[in-house]
PDB file of all heavy atoms in Angstrom:
ATOM      1  N   ASP A   1      35.571  81.498  44.800  1.00  0.00           N
ATOM      2  CA  ASP A   1      35.866  81.017  43.448  1.00  0.00           C
ATOM      3  C   ASP A   1      35.997  79.496  43.470  1.00  0.00           C
ATOM      4  O   ASP A   1      37.022  78.948  43.864  1.00  0.00           O
ATOM      5  CB  ASP A   1      37.165  81.669  42.958  1.00  0.00           C
ATOM      6  CG  ASP A   1      37.456  81.379  41.491  1.00  0.00           C
ATOM      7  OD1 ASP A   1      36.683  80.623  40.868  1.00  0.00           O
ATOM      8  OD2 ASP A   1      38.461  81.912  40.972  1.00  0.00           O
ATOM      9  N   THR A   2      34.938  78.809  43.045  1.00  0.00           N
ATOM     10  CA  THR A   2      34.839  77.353  43.145  1.00  0.00           C
ATOM     11  C   THR A   2      34.571  76.745  41.782  1.00  0.00           C
ATOM     12  O   THR A   2      33.832  77.321  40.973  1.00  0.00           O
ATOM     13  CB  THR A   2      33.710  76.961  44.123  1.00  0.00           C
ATOM     14  OG1 THR A   2      33.979  77.528  45.403  1.00  0.00           O
ATOM     15  CG2 THR A   2      33.576  75.452  44.251  1.00  0.00           C
ATOM     16  N   GLN A   3      35.169  75.577  41.532  1.00  0.00           N
ATOM     17  CA  GLN A   3      34.948  74.861  40.281  1.00  0.00           C
ATOM     18  C   GLN A   3      34.687  73.388  40.565  1.00  0.00           C
ATOM     19  O   GLN A   3      35.107  72.851  41.573  1.00  0.00           O
ATOM     20  CB  GLN A   3      36.179  74.945  39.349  1.00  0.00           C
ATOM     21  CG  GLN A   3      36.664  76.346  39.026  1.00  0.00           C
ATOM     22  CD  GLN A   3      37.538  76.912  40.123  1.00  0.00           C
ATOM     23  OE1 GLN A   3      38.323  76.184  40.724  1.00  0.00           O
ATOM     24  NE2 GLN A   3      37.396  78.194  40.389  1.00  0.00           N
ATOM     25  N   ILE A   4      33.982  72.770  39.630  1.00  0.00           N
ATOM     26  CA  ILE A   4      33.864  71.312  39.575  1.00  0.00           C
ATOM     27  C   ILE A   4      34.731  70.851  38.407  1.00  0.00           C
ATOM     28  O   ILE A   4      34.666  71.421  37.312  1.00  0.00           O
ATOM     29  CB  ILE A   4      32.399  70.879  39.347  1.00  0.00           C
ATOM     30  CG1 ILE A   4      31.618  70.852  40.668  1.00  0.00           C
ATOM     31  CG2 ILE A   4      32.328  69.520  38.685  1.00  0.00           C
ATOM     32  CD1 ILE A   4      31.825  69.589  41.485  1.00  0.00           C
ATOM     33  N   ILE A   5      35.535  69.815  38.635  1.00  0.00           N
ATOM     34  CA  ILE A   5      36.304  69.217  37.551  1.00  0.00           C
ATOM     35  C   ILE A   5      35.771  67.809  37.334  1.00  0.00           C
ATOM     36  O   ILE A   5      35.739  66.999  38.270  1.00  0.00           O
ATOM     37  CB  ILE A   5      37.811  69.164  37.869  1.00  0.00           C
ATOM     38  CG1 ILE A   5      38.319  70.549  38.262  1.00  0.00           C
ATOM     39  CG2 ILE A   5      38.593  68.634  36.659  1.00  0.00           C
ATOM     40  CD1 ILE A   5      39.774  70.559  38.714  1.00  0.00           C
ATOM     41  N   GLU A   6      35.321  67.522  36.125  1.00  0.00           N
ATOM     42  CA  GLU A   6      34.835  66.189  35.770  1.00  0.00           C
ATOM     43  C   GLU A   6      35.895  65.462  34.954  1.00  0.00           C
ATOM     44  O   GLU A   6      36.468  66.034  34.017  1.00  0.00           O
ATOM     45  CB  GLU A   6      33.539  66.277  34.965  1.00  0.00           C
ATOM     46  CG  GLU A   6      32.341  66.778  35.761  1.00  0.00           C
ATOM     47  CD  GLU A   6      31.044  66.694  34.959  1.00  0.00           C
ATOM     48  OE1 GLU A   6      31.123  66.546  33.717  1.00  0.00           O
ATOM     49  OE2 GLU A   6      29.974  66.776  35.579  1.00  0.00           O
ATOM     50  N   PHE A   7      36.119  64.204  35.280  1.00  0.00           N
ATOM     51  CA  PHE A   7      37.069  63.365  34.558  1.00  0.00           C
ATOM     52  C   PHE A   7      36.282  62.263  33.851  1.00  0.00           C
ATOM     53  O   PHE A   7      35.519  61.529  34.492  1.00  0.00           O
ATOM     54  CB  PHE A   7      38.082  62.744  35.522  1.00  0.00           C
ATOM     55  CG  PHE A   7      38.929  63.763  36.243  1.00  0.00           C
ATOM     56  CD1 PHE A   7      38.469  64.356  37.413  1.00  0.00           C
ATOM     57  CD2 PHE A   7      40.175  64.128  35.751  1.00  0.00           C
ATOM     58  CE1 PHE A   7      39.244  65.291  38.098  1.00  0.00           C
ATOM     59  CE2 PHE A   7      40.957  65.069  36.421  1.00  0.00           C
ATOM     60  CZ  PHE A   7      40.489  65.655  37.590  1.00  0.00           C
ATOM     61  N   ARG A   8      36.480  62.146  32.537  1.00  0.00           N
ATOM     62  CA  ARG A   8      35.705  61.195  31.735  1.00  0.00           C
ATOM     63  C   ARG A   8      36.615  60.343  30.851  1.00  0.00           C
ATOM     64  O   ARG A   8      37.685  60.782  30.419  1.00  0.00           O
ATOM     65  CB  ARG A   8      34.684  61.929  30.856  1.00  0.00           C
ATOM     66  CG  ARG A   8      33.602  62.673  31.645  1.00  0.00           C
ATOM     67  CD  ARG A   8      32.623  63.387  30.737  1.00  0.00           C
ATOM     68  NE  ARG A   8      31.598  64.082  31.495  1.00  0.00           N
ATOM     69  CZ  ARG A   8      30.454  63.529  31.912  1.00  0.00           C
ATOM     70  NH1 ARG A   8      30.185  62.258  31.590  1.00  0.00           N
ATOM     71  NH2 ARG A   8      29.579  64.223  32.611  1.00  0.00           N
ATOM     72  N   THR A   9      36.135  59.135  30.568  1.00  0.00           N
ATOM     73  CA  THR A   9      36.822  58.253  29.637  1.00  0.00           C
ATOM     74  C   THR A   9      36.501  58.676  28.211  1.00  0.00           C
ATOM     75  O   THR A   9      35.661  59.560  27.980  1.00  0.00           O
ATOM     76  CB  THR A   9      36.392  56.801  29.859  1.00  0.00           C
ATOM     77  OG1 THR A   9      34.973  56.710  29.650  1.00  0.00           O
ATOM     78  CG2 THR A   9      36.718  56.343  31.280  1.00  0.00           C
ATOM     79  N   ALA A  10      37.140  58.010  27.249  1.00  0.00           N
ATOM     80  CA  ALA A  10      36.923  58.355  25.835  1.00  0.00           C
ATOM     81  C   ALA A  10      35.475  58.144  25.408  1.00  0.00           C
ATOM     82  O   ALA A  10      34.994  58.814  24.479  1.00  0.00           O
ATOM     83  CB  ALA A  10      37.863  57.541  24.951  1.00  0.00           C
ATOM     84  N   ASP A  11      34.777  57.227  26.061  1.00  0.00           N
ATOM     85  CA  ASP A  11      33.361  57.004  25.726  1.00  0.00           C
ATOM     86  C   ASP A  11      32.425  57.833  26.606  1.00  0.00           C
ATOM     87  O   ASP A  11      31.240  57.530  26.728  1.00  0.00           O
ATOM     88  CB  ASP A  11      33.011  55.520  25.809  1.00  0.00           C
ATOM     89  CG  ASP A  11      33.244  54.937  27.199  1.00  0.00           C
ATOM     90  OD1 ASP A  11      33.739  55.679  28.084  1.00  0.00           O
ATOM     91  OD2 ASP A  11      32.934  53.749  27.401  1.00  0.00           O
ATOM     92  N   ASN A  12      32.957  58.873  27.240  1.00  0.00           N
ATOM     93  CA  ASN A  12      32.199  59.875  27.990  1.00  0.00           C
ATOM     94  C   ASN A  12      31.667  59.363  29.328  1.00  0.00           C
ATOM     95  O   ASN A  12      30.754  59.959  29.905  1.00  0.00           O
ATOM     96  CB  ASN A  12      31.031  60.425  27.152  1.00  0.00           C
ATOM     97  CG  ASN A  12      30.640  61.828  27.592  1.00  0.00           C
ATOM     98  OD1 ASN A  12      31.496  62.648  27.918  1.00  0.00           O
ATOM     99  ND2 ASN A  12      29.345  62.103  27.608  1.00  0.00           N
ATOM    100  N   LYS A  13      32.238  58.316  29.854  1.00  0.00           N
ATOM    101  CA  LYS A  13      31.822  57.819  31.165  1.00  0.00           C
ATOM    102  C   LYS A  13      32.474  58.662  32.253  1.00  0.00           C
ATOM    103  O   LYS A  13      33.699  58.839  32.270  1.00  0.00           O
ATOM    104  CB  LYS A  13      32.223  56.351  31.330  1.00  0.00           C
ATOM    105  CG  LYS A  13      31.904  55.767  32.716  1.00  0.00           C
ATOM    106  CD  LYS A  13      32.298  54.319  32.798  1.00  0.00           C
ATOM    107  CE  LYS A  13      32.149  53.757  34.210  1.00  0.00           C
ATOM    108  NZ  LYS A  13      30.751  53.837  34.704  1.00  0.00           N
ATOM    109  N   LEU A  14      31.669  59.181  33.172  1.00  0.00           N
ATOM    110  CA  LEU A  14      32.181  59.966  34.291  1.00  0.00           C
ATOM    111  C   LEU A  14      32.808  59.024  35.309  1.00  0.00           C
ATOM    112  O   LEU A  14      32.145  58.133  35.841  1.00  0.00           O
ATOM    113  CB  LEU A  14      31.049  60.764  34.939  1.00  0.00           C
ATOM    114  CG  LEU A  14      31.438  61.683  36.105  1.00  0.00           C
ATOM    115  CD1 LEU A  14      32.312  62.831  35.620  1.00  0.00           C
ATOM    116  CD2 LEU A  14      30.175  62.233  36.788  1.00  0.00           C
ATOM    117  N   VAL A  15      34.115  59.230  35.612  1.00  0.00           N
ATOM    118  CA  VAL A  15      34.803  58.327  36.533  1.00  0.00           C
ATOM    119  C   VAL A  15      35.365  59.032  37.763  1.00  0.00           C
ATOM    120  O   VAL A  15      35.732  58.373  38.741  1.00  0.00           O
ATOM    121  CB  VAL A  15      35.936  57.557  35.824  1.00  0.00           C
ATOM    122  CG1 VAL A  15      35.363  56.619  34.770  1.00  0.00           C
ATOM    123  CG2 VAL A  15      36.962  58.505  35.220  1.00  0.00           C
ATOM    124  N   ALA A  16      35.445  60.352  37.738  1.00  0.00           N
ATOM    125  CA  ALA A  16      35.950  61.070  38.914  1.00  0.00           C
ATOM    126  C   ALA A  16      35.468  62.511  38.868  1.00  0.00           C
ATOM    127  O   ALA A  16      35.220  63.082  37.797  1.00  0.00           O
ATOM    128  CB  ALA A  16      37.473  61.028  38.984  1.00  0.00           C
ATOM    129  N   VAL A  17      35.347  63.110  40.056  1.00  0.00           N
ATOM    130  CA  VAL A  17      34.911  64.503  40.199  1.00  0.00           C
ATOM    131  C   VAL A  17      35.729  65.136  41.318  1.00  0.00           C
ATOM    132  O   VAL A  17      35.987  64.506  42.343  1.00  0.00           O
ATOM    133  CB  VAL A  17      33.407  64.582  40.537  1.00  0.00           C
ATOM    134  CG1 VAL A  17      32.995  66.022  40.840  1.00  0.00           C
ATOM    135  CG2 VAL A  17      32.559  64.006  39.411  1.00  0.00           C
ATOM    136  N   SER A  18      36.131  66.377  41.104  1.00  0.00           N
ATOM    137  CA  SER A  18      36.847  67.112  42.150  1.00  0.00           C
ATOM    138  C   SER A  18      36.208  68.482  42.334  1.00  0.00           C
ATOM    139  O   SER A  18      36.057  69.242  41.367  1.00  0.00           O
ATOM    140  CB  SER A  18      38.326  67.267  41.786  1.00  0.00           C
ATOM    141  OG  SER A  18      39.024  67.940  42.822  1.00  0.00           O
ATOM    142  N   LEU A  19      35.825  68.801  43.565  1.00  0.00           N
ATOM    143  CA  LEU A  19      35.338  70.125  43.936  1.00  0.00           C
ATOM    144  C   LEU A  19      36.542  70.914  44.432  1.00  0.00           C
ATOM    145  O   LEU A  19      37.206  70.512  45.393  1.00  0.00           O
ATOM    146  CB  LEU A  19      34.273  70.009  45.025  1.00  0.00           C
ATOM    147  CG  LEU A  19      33.628  71.311  45.512  1.00  0.00           C
ATOM    148  CD1 LEU A  19      32.837  71.971  44.389  1.00  0.00           C
ATOM    149  CD2 LEU A  19      32.726  71.035  46.713  1.00  0.00           C
ATOM    150  N   THR A  20      36.839  72.028  43.788  1.00  0.00           N
ATOM    151  CA  THR A  20      38.102  72.730  43.999  1.00  0.00           C
ATOM    152  C   THR A  20      37.876  74.227  44.125  1.00  0.00           C
ATOM    153  O   THR A  20      37.059  74.798  43.394  1.00  0.00           O
ATOM    154  CB  THR A  20      39.056  72.460  42.822  1.00  0.00           C
ATOM    155  OG1 THR A  20      39.160  71.062  42.604  1.00  0.00           O
ATOM    156  CG2 THR A  20      40.436  73.026  43.077  1.00  0.00           C
ATOM    157  N   ASP A  21      38.594  74.861  45.038  1.00  0.00           N
ATOM    158  CA  ASP A  21      38.571  76.321  45.188  1.00  0.00           C
ATOM    159  C   ASP A  21      39.878  76.907  44.662  1.00  0.00           C
ATOM    160  O   ASP A  21      40.949  76.305  44.806  1.00  0.00           O
ATOM    161  CB  ASP A  21      38.421  76.719  46.659  1.00  0.00           C
ATOM    162  CG  ASP A  21      37.061  76.382  47.235  1.00  0.00           C
ATOM    163  OD1 ASP A  21      36.117  76.166  46.458  1.00  0.00           O
ATOM    164  OD2 ASP A  21      36.946  76.342  48.477  1.00  0.00           O
ATOM    165  N   THR A  22      39.786  78.096  44.085  1.00  0.00           N
ATOM    166  CA  THR A  22      40.967  78.826  43.651  1.00  0.00           C
ATOM    167  C   THR A  22      41.312  79.885  44.694  1.00  0.00           C
ATOM    168  O   THR A  22      40.466  80.691  45.076  1.00  0.00           O
ATOM    169  CB  THR A  22      40.734  79.499  42.290  1.00  0.00           C
ATOM    170  OG1 THR A  22      40.449  78.485  41.313  1.00  0.00           O
ATOM    171  CG2 THR A  22      41.974  80.263  41.840  1.00  0.00           C
ATOM    172  N   LEU A  23      42.562  79.863  45.155  1.00  0.00           N
ATOM    173  CA  LEU A  23      43.062  80.794  46.157  1.00  0.00           C
ATOM    174  C   LEU A  23      44.065  81.753  45.537  1.00  0.00           C
ATOM    175  O   LEU A  23      44.534  81.547  44.411  1.00  0.00           O
ATOM    176  CB  LEU A  23      43.734  80.025  47.298  1.00  0.00           C
ATOM    177  CG  LEU A  23      42.932  78.910  47.958  1.00  0.00           C
ATOM    178  CD1 LEU A  23      43.818  78.133  48.920  1.00  0.00           C
ATOM    179  CD2 LEU A  23      41.722  79.488  48.684  1.00  0.00           C
ATOM    180  N   ASP A  24      44.427  82.782  46.273  1.00  0.00           N
ATOM    181  CA  ASP A  24      45.441  83.717  45.782  1.00  0.00           C
ATOM    182  C   ASP A  24      46.771  83.017  45.531  1.00  0.00           C
ATOM    183  O   ASP A  24      47.514  83.394  44.627  1.00  0.00           O
ATOM    184  CB  ASP A  24      45.658  84.852  46.799  1.00  0.00           C
ATOM    185  CG  ASP A  24      44.467  85.787  46.891  1.00  0.00           C
ATOM    186  OD1 ASP A  24      43.592  85.723  46.000  1.00  0.00           O
ATOM    187  OD2 ASP A  24      44.402  86.564  47.862  1.00  0.00           O
ATOM    188  N   ASP A  25      47.086  82.004  46.345  1.00  0.00           N
ATOM    189  CA  ASP A  25      48.382  81.345  46.224  1.00  0.00           C
ATOM    190  C   ASP A  25      48.279  79.890  45.791  1.00  0.00           C
ATOM    191  O   ASP A  25      49.221  79.123  45.963  1.00  0.00           O
ATOM    192  CB  ASP A  25      49.164  81.439  47.545  1.00  0.00           C
ATOM    193  CG  ASP A  25      48.470  80.710  48.689  1.00  0.00           C
ATOM    194  OD1 ASP A  25      47.289  80.324  48.525  1.00  0.00           O
ATOM    195  OD2 ASP A  25      49.108  80.530  49.747  1.00  0.00           O
ATOM    196  N   GLY A  26      47.143  79.498  45.205  1.00  0.00           N
ATOM    197  CA  GLY A  26      47.064  78.136  44.715  1.00  0.00           C
ATOM    198  C   GLY A  26      45.656  77.607  44.588  1.00  0.00           C
ATOM    199  O   GLY A  26      44.698  78.362  44.409  1.00  0.00           O
ATOM    200  N   LEU A  27      45.533  76.296  44.689  1.00  0.00           N
ATOM    201  CA  LEU A  27      44.247  75.619  44.654  1.00  0.00           C
ATOM    202  C   LEU A  27      44.018  74.891  45.966  1.00  0.00           C
ATOM    203  O   LEU A  27      44.976  74.477  46.632  1.00  0.00           O
ATOM    204  CB  LEU A  27      44.187  74.610  43.503  1.00  0.00           C
ATOM    205  CG  LEU A  27      44.275  75.155  42.080  1.00  0.00           C
ATOM    206  CD1 LEU A  27      44.196  74.002  41.069  1.00  0.00           C
ATOM    207  CD2 LEU A  27      43.178  76.173  41.804  1.00  0.00           C
ATOM    208  N   SER A  28      42.759  74.720  46.318  1.00  0.00           N
ATOM    209  CA  SER A  28      42.386  73.973  47.507  1.00  0.00           C
ATOM    210  C   SER A  28      41.466  72.834  47.086  1.00  0.00           C
ATOM    211  O   SER A  28      40.410  73.063  46.488  1.00  0.00           O
ATOM    212  CB  SER A  28      41.663  74.877  48.515  1.00  0.00           C
ATOM    213  OG  SER A  28      41.195  74.131  49.612  1.00  0.00           O
ATOM    214  N   ALA A  29      41.880  71.606  47.369  1.00  0.00           N
ATOM    215  CA  ALA A  29      41.076  70.426  47.046  1.00  0.00           C
ATOM    216  C   ALA A  29      40.018  70.262  48.133  1.00  0.00           C
ATOM    217  O   ALA A  29      40.314  69.789  49.230  1.00  0.00           O
ATOM    218  CB  ALA A  29      41.968  69.193  46.954  1.00  0.00           C
ATOM    219  N   VAL A  30      38.790  70.655  47.837  1.00  0.00           N
ATOM    220  CA  VAL A  30      37.723  70.630  48.838  1.00  0.00           C
ATOM    221  C   VAL A  30      37.222  69.206  49.060  1.00  0.00           C
ATOM    222  O   VAL A  30      37.163  68.722  50.189  1.00  0.00           O
ATOM    223  CB  VAL A  30      36.560  71.550  48.413  1.00  0.00           C
ATOM    224  CG1 VAL A  30      35.420  71.483  49.425  1.00  0.00           C
ATOM    225  CG2 VAL A  30      37.057  72.977  48.241  1.00  0.00           C
ATOM    226  N   TYR A  31      36.853  68.526  47.965  1.00  0.00           N
ATOM    227  CA  TYR A  31      36.382  67.147  48.079  1.00  0.00           C
ATOM    228  C   TYR A  31      36.453  66.487  46.711  1.00  0.00           C
ATOM    229  O   TYR A  31      36.094  67.103  45.701  1.00  0.00           O
ATOM    230  CB  TYR A  31      34.952  67.075  48.610  1.00  0.00           C
ATOM    231  CG  TYR A  31      34.547  65.676  49.027  1.00  0.00           C
ATOM    232  CD1 TYR A  31      34.948  65.177  50.263  1.00  0.00           C
ATOM    233  CD2 TYR A  31      33.807  64.857  48.186  1.00  0.00           C
ATOM    234  CE1 TYR A  31      34.606  63.885  50.657  1.00  0.00           C
ATOM    235  CE2 TYR A  31      33.461  63.561  48.572  1.00  0.00           C
ATOM    236  CZ  TYR A  31      33.871  63.085  49.806  1.00  0.00           C
ATOM    237  OH  TYR A  31      33.545  61.806  50.188  1.00  0.00           O
ATOM    238  N   SER A  32      36.920  65.252  46.673  1.00  0.00           N
ATOM    239  CA  SER A  32      36.998  64.485  45.430  1.00  0.00           C
ATOM    240  C   SER A  32      36.406  63.101  45.646  1.00  0.00           C
ATOM    241  O   SER A  32      36.476  62.552  46.749  1.00  0.00           O
ATOM    242  CB  SER A  32      38.452  64.365  44.956  1.00  0.00           C
ATOM    243  OG  SER A  32      39.023  65.638  44.693  1.00  0.00           O
ATOM    244  N   PHE A  33      35.843  62.539  44.582  1.00  0.00           N
ATOM    245  CA  PHE A  33      35.329  61.176  44.629  1.00  0.00           C
ATOM    246  C   PHE A  33      35.455  60.566  43.242  1.00  0.00           C
ATOM    247  O   PHE A  33      35.668  61.272  42.251  1.00  0.00           O
ATOM    248  CB  PHE A  33      33.881  61.148  45.131  1.00  0.00           C
ATOM    249  CG  PHE A  33      32.921  62.015  44.362  1.00  0.00           C
ATOM    250  CD1 PHE A  33      32.187  61.511  43.303  1.00  0.00           C
ATOM    251  CD2 PHE A  33      32.740  63.347  44.711  1.00  0.00           C
ATOM    252  CE1 PHE A  33      31.293  62.314  42.598  1.00  0.00           C
ATOM    253  CE2 PHE A  33      31.852  64.163  44.009  1.00  0.00           C
ATOM    254  CZ  PHE A  33      31.135  63.642  42.955  1.00  0.00           C
ATOM    255  N   TYR A  34      35.340  59.236  43.188  1.00  0.00           N
ATOM    256  CA  TYR A  34      35.625  58.560  41.924  1.00  0.00           C
ATOM    257  C   TYR A  34      34.932  57.207  41.877  1.00  0.00           C
ATOM    258  O   TYR A  34      34.380  56.726  42.881  1.00  0.00           O
ATOM    259  CB  TYR A  34      37.136  58.388  41.742  1.00  0.00           C
ATOM    260  CG  TYR A  34      37.834  57.768  42.939  1.00  0.00           C
ATOM    261  CD1 TYR A  34      37.922  56.390  43.084  1.00  0.00           C
ATOM    262  CD2 TYR A  34      38.380  58.569  43.933  1.00  0.00           C
ATOM    263  CE1 TYR A  34      38.546  55.819  44.182  1.00  0.00           C
ATOM    264  CE2 TYR A  34      39.010  58.010  45.036  1.00  0.00           C
ATOM    265  CZ  TYR A  34      39.086  56.638  45.149  1.00  0.00           C
ATOM    266  OH  TYR A  34      39.698  56.075  46.242  1.00  0.00           O
ATOM    267  N   ASP A  35      34.964  56.586  40.702  1.00  0.00           N
ATOM    268  CA  ASP A  35      34.338  55.291  40.474  1.00  0.00           C
ATOM    269  C   ASP A  35      35.117  54.218  41.240  1.00  0.00           C
ATOM    270  O   ASP A  35      36.270  53.927  40.905  1.00  0.00           O
ATOM    271  CB  ASP A  35      34.350  54.990  38.979  1.00  0.00           C
ATOM    272  CG  ASP A  35      33.603  53.701  38.631  1.00  0.00           C
ATOM    273  OD1 ASP A  35      33.299  52.913  39.544  1.00  0.00           O
ATOM    274  OD2 ASP A  35      33.348  53.480  37.427  1.00  0.00           O
ATOM    275  N   PRO A  36      34.527  53.609  42.261  1.00  0.00           N
ATOM    276  CA  PRO A  36      35.258  52.623  43.060  1.00  0.00           C
ATOM    277  C   PRO A  36      35.522  51.316  42.318  1.00  0.00           C
ATOM    278  O   PRO A  36      36.317  50.497  42.771  1.00  0.00           O
ATOM    279  CB  PRO A  36      34.334  52.390  44.263  1.00  0.00           C
ATOM    280  CG  PRO A  36      32.964  52.698  43.740  1.00  0.00           C
ATOM    281  CD  PRO A  36      33.147  53.808  42.745  1.00  0.00           C
ATOM    282  N   GLN A  37      34.869  51.142  41.163  1.00  0.00           N
ATOM    283  CA  GLN A  37      35.090  49.924  40.380  1.00  0.00           C
ATOM    284  C   GLN A  37      36.334  50.014  39.498  1.00  0.00           C
ATOM    285  O   GLN A  37      36.849  48.997  39.042  1.00  0.00           O
ATOM    286  CB  GLN A  37      33.856  49.644  39.496  1.00  0.00           C
ATOM    287  CG  GLN A  37      32.542  49.544  40.260  1.00  0.00           C
ATOM    288  CD  GLN A  37      32.582  48.492  41.348  1.00  0.00           C
ATOM    289  OE1 GLN A  37      33.094  47.397  41.133  1.00  0.00           O
ATOM    290  NE2 GLN A  37      32.044  48.820  42.522  1.00  0.00           N
ATOM    291  N   GLN A  38      36.818  51.232  39.298  1.00  0.00           N
ATOM    292  CA  GLN A  38      38.001  51.433  38.435  1.00  0.00           C
ATOM    293  C   GLN A  38      39.269  51.279  39.275  1.00  0.00           C
ATOM    294  O   GLN A  38      40.071  52.212  39.423  1.00  0.00           O
ATOM    295  CB  GLN A  38      37.930  52.823  37.798  1.00  0.00           C
ATOM    296  CG  GLN A  38      36.693  53.078  36.975  1.00  0.00           C
ATOM    297  CD  GLN A  38      36.876  52.670  35.512  1.00  0.00           C
ATOM    298  OE1 GLN A  38      37.978  52.490  35.036  1.00  0.00           O
ATOM    299  NE2 GLN A  38      35.764  52.558  34.802  1.00  0.00           N
ATOM    300  N   THR A  39      39.471  50.096  39.808  1.00  0.00           N
ATOM    301  CA  THR A  39      40.537  49.900  40.790  1.00  0.00           C
ATOM    302  C   THR A  39      41.938  50.011  40.199  1.00  0.00           C
ATOM    303  O   THR A  39      42.875  50.391  40.898  1.00  0.00           O
ATOM    304  CB  THR A  39      40.375  48.533  41.473  1.00  0.00           C
ATOM    305  OG1 THR A  39      40.337  47.518  40.459  1.00  0.00           O
ATOM    306  CG2 THR A  39      39.083  48.487  42.279  1.00  0.00           C
ATOM    307  N   THR A  40      42.115  49.677  38.937  1.00  0.00           N
ATOM    308  CA  THR A  40      43.464  49.682  38.358  1.00  0.00           C
ATOM    309  C   THR A  40      43.960  51.085  38.032  1.00  0.00           C
ATOM    310  O   THR A  40      45.152  51.283  37.819  1.00  0.00           O
ATOM    311  CB  THR A  40      43.503  48.835  37.080  1.00  0.00           C
ATOM    312  OG1 THR A  40      42.593  49.389  36.111  1.00  0.00           O
ATOM    313  CG2 THR A  40      43.118  47.391  37.383  1.00  0.00           C
ATOM    314  N   ARG A  41      43.072  52.049  38.015  1.00  0.00           N
ATOM    315  CA  ARG A  41      43.455  53.412  37.642  1.00  0.00           C
ATOM    316  C   ARG A  41      44.051  54.216  38.803  1.00  0.00           C
ATOM    317  O   ARG A  41      44.718  55.208  38.568  1.00  0.00           O
ATOM    318  CB  ARG A  41      42.243  54.172  37.089  1.00  0.00           C
ATOM    319  CG  ARG A  41      41.817  53.767  35.686  1.00  0.00           C
ATOM    320  CD  ARG A  41      40.701  54.667  35.190  1.00  0.00           C
ATOM    321  NE  ARG A  41      40.299  54.400  33.820  1.00  0.00           N
ATOM    322  CZ  ARG A  41      40.859  54.940  32.740  1.00  0.00           C
ATOM    323  NH1 ARG A  41      41.875  55.794  32.904  1.00  0.00           N
ATOM    324  NH2 ARG A  41      40.424  54.662  31.534  1.00  0.00           N
ATOM    325  N   SER A  42      43.766  53.851  40.045  1.00  0.00           N
ATOM    326  CA  SER A  42      44.187  54.652  41.207  1.00  0.00           C
ATOM    327  C   SER A  42      43.716  56.095  41.032  1.00  0.00           C
ATOM    328  O   SER A  42      44.495  57.055  41.077  1.00  0.00           O
ATOM    329  CB  SER A  42      45.707  54.600  41.377  1.00  0.00           C
ATOM    330  OG  SER A  42      46.156  53.288  41.551  1.00  0.00           O
ATOM    331  N   LEU A  43      42.407  56.242  40.862  1.00  0.00           N
ATOM    332  CA  LEU A  43      41.847  57.547  40.507  1.00  0.00           C
ATOM    333  C   LEU A  43      42.028  58.590  41.600  1.00  0.00           C
ATOM    334  O   LEU A  43      42.192  59.777  41.301  1.00  0.00           O
ATOM    335  CB  LEU A  43      40.358  57.389  40.168  1.00  0.00           C
ATOM    336  CG  LEU A  43      40.072  56.739  38.814  1.00  0.00           C
ATOM    337  CD1 LEU A  43      38.607  56.344  38.700  1.00  0.00           C
ATOM    338  CD2 LEU A  43      40.465  57.676  37.671  1.00  0.00           C
TER     339      LEU A  43
END
């Protein structure tokens, strides 16, 4: 059971993505990445 989570700004710019698995007892963060230019956000 795997999902992609997309994070976007109000103008629909994609700034972060997280590949995540759902487990019986929680979530597993498989891999995440983000816009390296958005330094003030601490994405």
